[in-house]
Amino acid sequence: MKFSAFKNVFGVVFEFDDQIKGQGYPLTIGGVRRWVLDEYGLDISKSSVCAVRDKCGADKLEVGAGKVIPVLKSDKELAVLEAFKALGLIEQ
């Protein structure tokens, strides 16, 4: 098992398991975009992330904030939804 560590802005060290899907990606627009790029090879825009967030009924990108799993049509929106599931915004 491989572990990585990082410091937050307050200097607190966090460790996480690199093999757990979704770990190591912050629940931010940039983190979601990086997850989609790493998993699917798709480069998505900030507006795509925000559009899917709004369709999920979430005001902010927070764990458990998404209440609705919307019906999405484009590949990019579906990839963002999968990122939300992996990062914990929406329960699977």
N, C-alpha and C. Protein backbone atom coordinates (compact mmCIF):
# COMPACT_ATOMS: atom_id res chain seq x y z
N MET A 1 0.85 -1.18 0.00
CA MET A 1 0.00 0.00 0.00
C MET A 1 0.89 1.24 0.00
N LYS A 2 0.65 2.14 -0.89
CA LYS A 2 1.45 3.35 -1.01
C LYS A 2 0.71 4.51 -0.37
N PHE A 3 1.40 5.24 0.49
CA PHE A 3 0.81 6.39 1.14
C PHE A 3 1.51 7.66 0.69
N SER A 4 0.77 8.71 0.58
CA SER A 4 1.31 10.02 0.27
C SER A 4 0.90 10.97 1.39
N ALA A 5 1.62 12.06 1.50
CA ALA A 5 1.30 13.04 2.52
C ALA A 5 1.34 14.42 1.90
N PHE A 6 0.55 15.33 2.45
CA PHE A 6 0.56 16.72 2.02
C PHE A 6 0.23 17.58 3.22
N LYS A 7 0.61 18.84 3.14
CA LYS A 7 0.31 19.80 4.20
C LYS A 7 -0.76 20.75 3.71
N ASN A 8 -1.69 21.10 4.60
CA ASN A 8 -2.66 22.11 4.23
C ASN A 8 -2.10 23.48 4.56
N VAL A 9 -2.89 24.51 4.38
CA VAL A 9 -2.40 25.88 4.58
C VAL A 9 -2.02 26.16 6.02
N PHE A 10 -2.50 25.34 6.96
CA PHE A 10 -2.17 25.53 8.37
C PHE A 10 -0.97 24.70 8.79
N GLY A 11 -0.38 23.95 7.86
CA GLY A 11 0.78 23.14 8.16
C GLY A 11 0.47 21.77 8.72
N VAL A 12 -0.82 21.39 8.74
CA VAL A 12 -1.21 20.07 9.24
C VAL A 12 -0.92 19.03 8.16
N VAL A 13 -0.24 17.96 8.53
CA VAL A 13 0.12 16.92 7.56
C VAL A 13 -1.00 15.88 7.51
N PHE A 14 -1.44 15.57 6.29
CA PHE A 14 -2.45 14.55 6.06
C PHE A 14 -1.82 13.44 5.23
N GLU A 15 -2.17 12.21 5.55
CA GLU A 15 -1.73 11.08 4.75
C GLU A 15 -2.94 10.43 4.11
N PHE A 16 -2.77 9.89 2.93
CA PHE A 16 -3.87 9.21 2.27
C PHE A 16 -3.32 8.08 1.44
N ASP A 17 -4.14 7.08 1.22
CA ASP A 17 -3.78 5.92 0.43
C ASP A 17 -3.99 6.25 -1.04
N ASP A 18 -2.93 6.17 -1.83
CA ASP A 18 -3.01 6.50 -3.25
C ASP A 18 -3.87 5.52 -4.04
N GLN A 19 -4.06 4.32 -3.51
CA GLN A 19 -4.80 3.32 -4.27
C GLN A 19 -6.31 3.45 -4.10
N ILE A 20 -6.75 4.22 -3.14
CA ILE A 20 -8.19 4.42 -2.96
C ILE A 20 -8.65 5.43 -4.01
N LYS A 21 -9.64 5.05 -4.78
CA LYS A 21 -10.14 5.92 -5.85
C LYS A 21 -10.72 7.19 -5.25
N GLY A 22 -10.36 8.31 -5.83
CA GLY A 22 -10.89 9.59 -5.38
C GLY A 22 -10.01 10.28 -4.37
N GLN A 23 -9.11 9.55 -3.72
CA GLN A 23 -8.25 10.18 -2.73
C GLN A 23 -7.16 10.98 -3.44
N GLY A 24 -6.76 12.05 -2.82
CA GLY A 24 -5.71 12.88 -3.39
C GLY A 24 -6.23 13.97 -4.30
N TYR A 25 -7.50 13.97 -4.57
CA TYR A 25 -8.12 15.00 -5.39
C TYR A 25 -8.98 15.87 -4.49
N PRO A 26 -8.68 17.14 -4.40
CA PRO A 26 -9.52 18.00 -3.56
C PRO A 26 -10.89 18.19 -4.20
N LEU A 27 -11.89 18.39 -3.37
CA LEU A 27 -13.24 18.62 -3.87
C LEU A 27 -13.38 20.09 -4.25
N THR A 28 -12.68 20.43 -5.32
CA THR A 28 -12.71 21.77 -5.90
C THR A 28 -12.95 21.60 -7.40
N ILE A 29 -13.18 22.69 -8.07
CA ILE A 29 -13.36 22.60 -9.53
C ILE A 29 -12.10 22.04 -10.18
N GLY A 30 -10.95 22.51 -9.74
CA GLY A 30 -9.69 22.00 -10.29
C GLY A 30 -9.48 20.53 -9.99
N GLY A 31 -9.84 20.10 -8.79
CA GLY A 31 -9.71 18.69 -8.43
C GLY A 31 -10.62 17.80 -9.26
N VAL A 32 -11.84 18.26 -9.50
CA VAL A 32 -12.78 17.50 -10.33
C VAL A 32 -12.25 17.43 -11.76
N ARG A 33 -11.77 18.55 -12.27
CA ARG A 33 -11.23 18.57 -13.64
C ARG A 33 -10.04 17.63 -13.78
N ARG A 34 -9.16 17.60 -12.76
CA ARG A 34 -7.98 16.73 -12.79
C ARG A 34 -8.40 15.26 -12.71
N TRP A 35 -9.40 14.94 -11.88
CA TRP A 35 -9.88 13.56 -11.76
C TRP A 35 -10.42 13.08 -13.10
N VAL A 36 -11.23 13.91 -13.75
CA VAL A 36 -11.80 13.53 -15.06
C VAL A 36 -10.69 13.35 -16.09
N LEU A 37 -9.71 14.23 -16.07
CA LEU A 37 -8.59 14.11 -17.01
C LEU A 37 -7.81 12.82 -16.77
N ASP A 38 -7.54 12.50 -15.51
CA ASP A 38 -6.78 11.29 -15.19
C ASP A 38 -7.56 10.02 -15.49
N GLU A 39 -8.85 10.00 -15.19
CA GLU A 39 -9.66 8.80 -15.36
C GLU A 39 -10.15 8.58 -16.80
N TYR A 40 -10.55 9.66 -17.47
CA TYR A 40 -11.18 9.54 -18.79
C TYR A 40 -10.42 10.22 -19.92
N GLY A 41 -9.40 11.00 -19.58
CA GLY A 41 -8.64 11.70 -20.62
C GLY A 41 -9.40 12.86 -21.24
N LEU A 42 -10.43 13.34 -20.56
CA LEU A 42 -11.23 14.45 -21.07
C LEU A 42 -10.83 15.75 -20.37
N ASP A 43 -10.61 16.78 -21.14
CA ASP A 43 -10.34 18.09 -20.56
C ASP A 43 -11.66 18.85 -20.55
N ILE A 44 -12.17 19.11 -19.36
CA ILE A 44 -13.46 19.77 -19.23
C ILE A 44 -13.29 21.18 -18.72
N SER A 45 -14.29 21.99 -18.92
CA SER A 45 -14.24 23.39 -18.50
C SER A 45 -14.81 23.56 -17.10
N LYS A 46 -14.50 24.70 -16.51
CA LYS A 46 -15.05 25.03 -15.19
C LYS A 46 -16.57 25.11 -15.26
N SER A 47 -17.07 25.64 -16.37
CA SER A 47 -18.52 25.80 -16.49
C SER A 47 -19.23 24.45 -16.55
N SER A 48 -18.58 23.42 -17.10
CA SER A 48 -19.18 22.08 -17.12
C SER A 48 -19.32 21.54 -15.71
N VAL A 49 -18.29 21.74 -14.89
CA VAL A 49 -18.34 21.29 -13.50
C VAL A 49 -19.45 22.02 -12.75
N CYS A 50 -19.53 23.32 -12.94
CA CYS A 50 -20.56 24.12 -12.25
C CYS A 50 -21.97 23.76 -12.73
N ALA A 51 -22.11 23.47 -14.01
CA ALA A 51 -23.43 23.11 -14.55
C ALA A 51 -23.92 21.80 -13.94
N VAL A 52 -23.04 20.81 -13.85
CA VAL A 52 -23.43 19.53 -13.27
C VAL A 52 -23.68 19.69 -11.77
N ARG A 53 -22.87 20.49 -11.09
CA ARG A 53 -23.08 20.76 -9.66
C ARG A 53 -24.47 21.34 -9.44
N ASP A 54 -24.86 22.31 -10.28
CA ASP A 54 -26.17 22.92 -10.15
C ASP A 54 -27.30 21.92 -10.43
N LYS A 55 -27.10 21.05 -11.42
CA LYS A 55 -28.11 20.04 -11.74
C LYS A 55 -28.26 19.02 -10.61
N CYS A 56 -27.20 18.84 -9.81
CA CYS A 56 -27.25 17.91 -8.68
C CYS A 56 -27.89 18.54 -7.45
N GLY A 57 -28.18 19.81 -7.51
CA GLY A 57 -28.81 20.48 -6.38
C GLY A 57 -27.85 20.88 -5.28
N ALA A 58 -26.57 21.00 -5.60
CA ALA A 58 -25.57 21.37 -4.61
C ALA A 58 -25.23 22.85 -4.76
N ASP A 59 -25.18 23.56 -3.64
CA ASP A 59 -24.79 24.96 -3.68
C ASP A 59 -23.28 25.11 -3.75
N LYS A 60 -22.57 24.21 -3.08
CA LYS A 60 -21.11 24.24 -3.02
C LYS A 60 -20.58 22.84 -3.28
N LEU A 61 -19.29 22.77 -3.57
CA LEU A 61 -18.65 21.48 -3.71
C LEU A 61 -18.23 21.01 -2.32
N GLU A 62 -19.12 20.27 -1.66
CA GLU A 62 -18.87 19.73 -0.33
C GLU A 62 -19.28 18.27 -0.31
N VAL A 63 -18.68 17.51 0.56
CA VAL A 63 -19.03 16.10 0.69
C VAL A 63 -20.50 15.98 1.07
N GLY A 64 -21.23 15.20 0.31
CA GLY A 64 -22.65 14.95 0.59
C GLY A 64 -23.58 16.07 0.20
N ALA A 65 -23.11 17.09 -0.50
CA ALA A 65 -23.95 18.24 -0.84
C ALA A 65 -24.95 17.93 -1.95
N GLY A 66 -24.60 17.02 -2.84
CA GLY A 66 -25.50 16.69 -3.95
C GLY A 66 -26.66 15.84 -3.49
N LYS A 67 -27.85 16.23 -3.82
CA LYS A 67 -29.04 15.52 -3.37
C LYS A 67 -29.73 14.76 -4.50
N VAL A 68 -29.51 15.17 -5.73
CA VAL A 68 -30.22 14.61 -6.88
C VAL A 68 -29.18 14.08 -7.86
N ILE A 69 -29.45 12.90 -8.41
CA ILE A 69 -28.61 12.40 -9.50
C ILE A 69 -29.35 12.68 -10.79
N PRO A 70 -28.89 13.69 -11.53
CA PRO A 70 -29.63 14.11 -12.73
C PRO A 70 -29.43 13.17 -13.91
N VAL A 71 -30.29 13.30 -14.88
CA VAL A 71 -30.12 12.60 -16.15
C VAL A 71 -29.29 13.51 -17.04
N LEU A 72 -28.12 13.02 -17.42
CA LEU A 72 -27.19 13.81 -18.23
C LEU A 72 -26.99 13.13 -19.58
N LYS A 73 -26.70 13.93 -20.58
CA LYS A 73 -26.61 13.39 -21.93
C LYS A 73 -25.20 13.37 -22.49
N SER A 74 -24.39 14.38 -22.21
CA SER A 74 -23.07 14.43 -22.83
C SER A 74 -22.05 13.60 -22.06
N ASP A 75 -21.02 13.16 -22.75
CA ASP A 75 -19.96 12.37 -22.13
C ASP A 75 -19.24 13.17 -21.06
N LYS A 76 -19.04 14.44 -21.30
CA LYS A 76 -18.33 15.27 -20.33
C LYS A 76 -19.12 15.43 -19.05
N GLU A 77 -20.43 15.63 -19.16
CA GLU A 77 -21.26 15.76 -17.97
C GLU A 77 -21.30 14.45 -17.20
N LEU A 78 -21.37 13.32 -17.91
CA LEU A 78 -21.36 12.02 -17.24
C LEU A 78 -20.03 11.79 -16.53
N ALA A 79 -18.93 12.22 -17.13
CA ALA A 79 -17.62 12.08 -16.48
C ALA A 79 -17.54 12.93 -15.22
N VAL A 80 -18.10 14.13 -15.26
CA VAL A 80 -18.13 15.00 -14.07
C VAL A 80 -18.97 14.35 -12.98
N LEU A 81 -20.10 13.75 -13.35
CA LEU A 81 -20.95 13.07 -12.37
C LEU A 81 -20.19 11.91 -11.71
N GLU A 82 -19.43 11.16 -12.49
CA GLU A 82 -18.63 10.07 -11.93
C GLU A 82 -17.56 10.61 -10.98
N ALA A 83 -16.99 11.76 -11.32
CA ALA A 83 -16.01 12.39 -10.43
C ALA A 83 -16.68 12.79 -9.12
N PHE A 84 -17.88 13.34 -9.20
CA PHE A 84 -18.62 13.72 -7.99
C PHE A 84 -18.87 12.50 -7.11
N LYS A 85 -19.22 11.39 -7.73
CA LYS A 85 -19.46 10.16 -6.96
C LYS A 85 -18.17 9.69 -6.30
N ALA A 86 -17.08 9.70 -7.06
CA ALA A 86 -15.79 9.23 -6.53
C ALA A 86 -15.27 10.12 -5.41
N LEU A 87 -15.53 11.40 -5.50
CA LEU A 87 -15.02 12.35 -4.52
C LEU A 87 -15.99 12.58 -3.36
N GLY A 88 -17.16 11.97 -3.42
CA GLY A 88 -18.09 12.03 -2.30
C GLY A 88 -19.11 13.14 -2.31
N LEU A 89 -19.19 13.91 -3.39
CA LEU A 89 -20.21 14.94 -3.46
C LEU A 89 -21.61 14.33 -3.50
N ILE A 90 -21.72 13.20 -4.18
CA ILE A 90 -22.99 12.48 -4.30
C ILE A 90 -22.78 11.06 -3.79
N GLU A 91 -23.73 10.58 -3.02
CA GLU A 91 -23.66 9.20 -2.58
C GLU A 91 -24.05 8.29 -3.74
N GLN A 92 -23.37 7.17 -3.84
CA GLN A 92 -23.62 6.26 -4.94
C GLN A 92 -24.77 5.42 -4.68
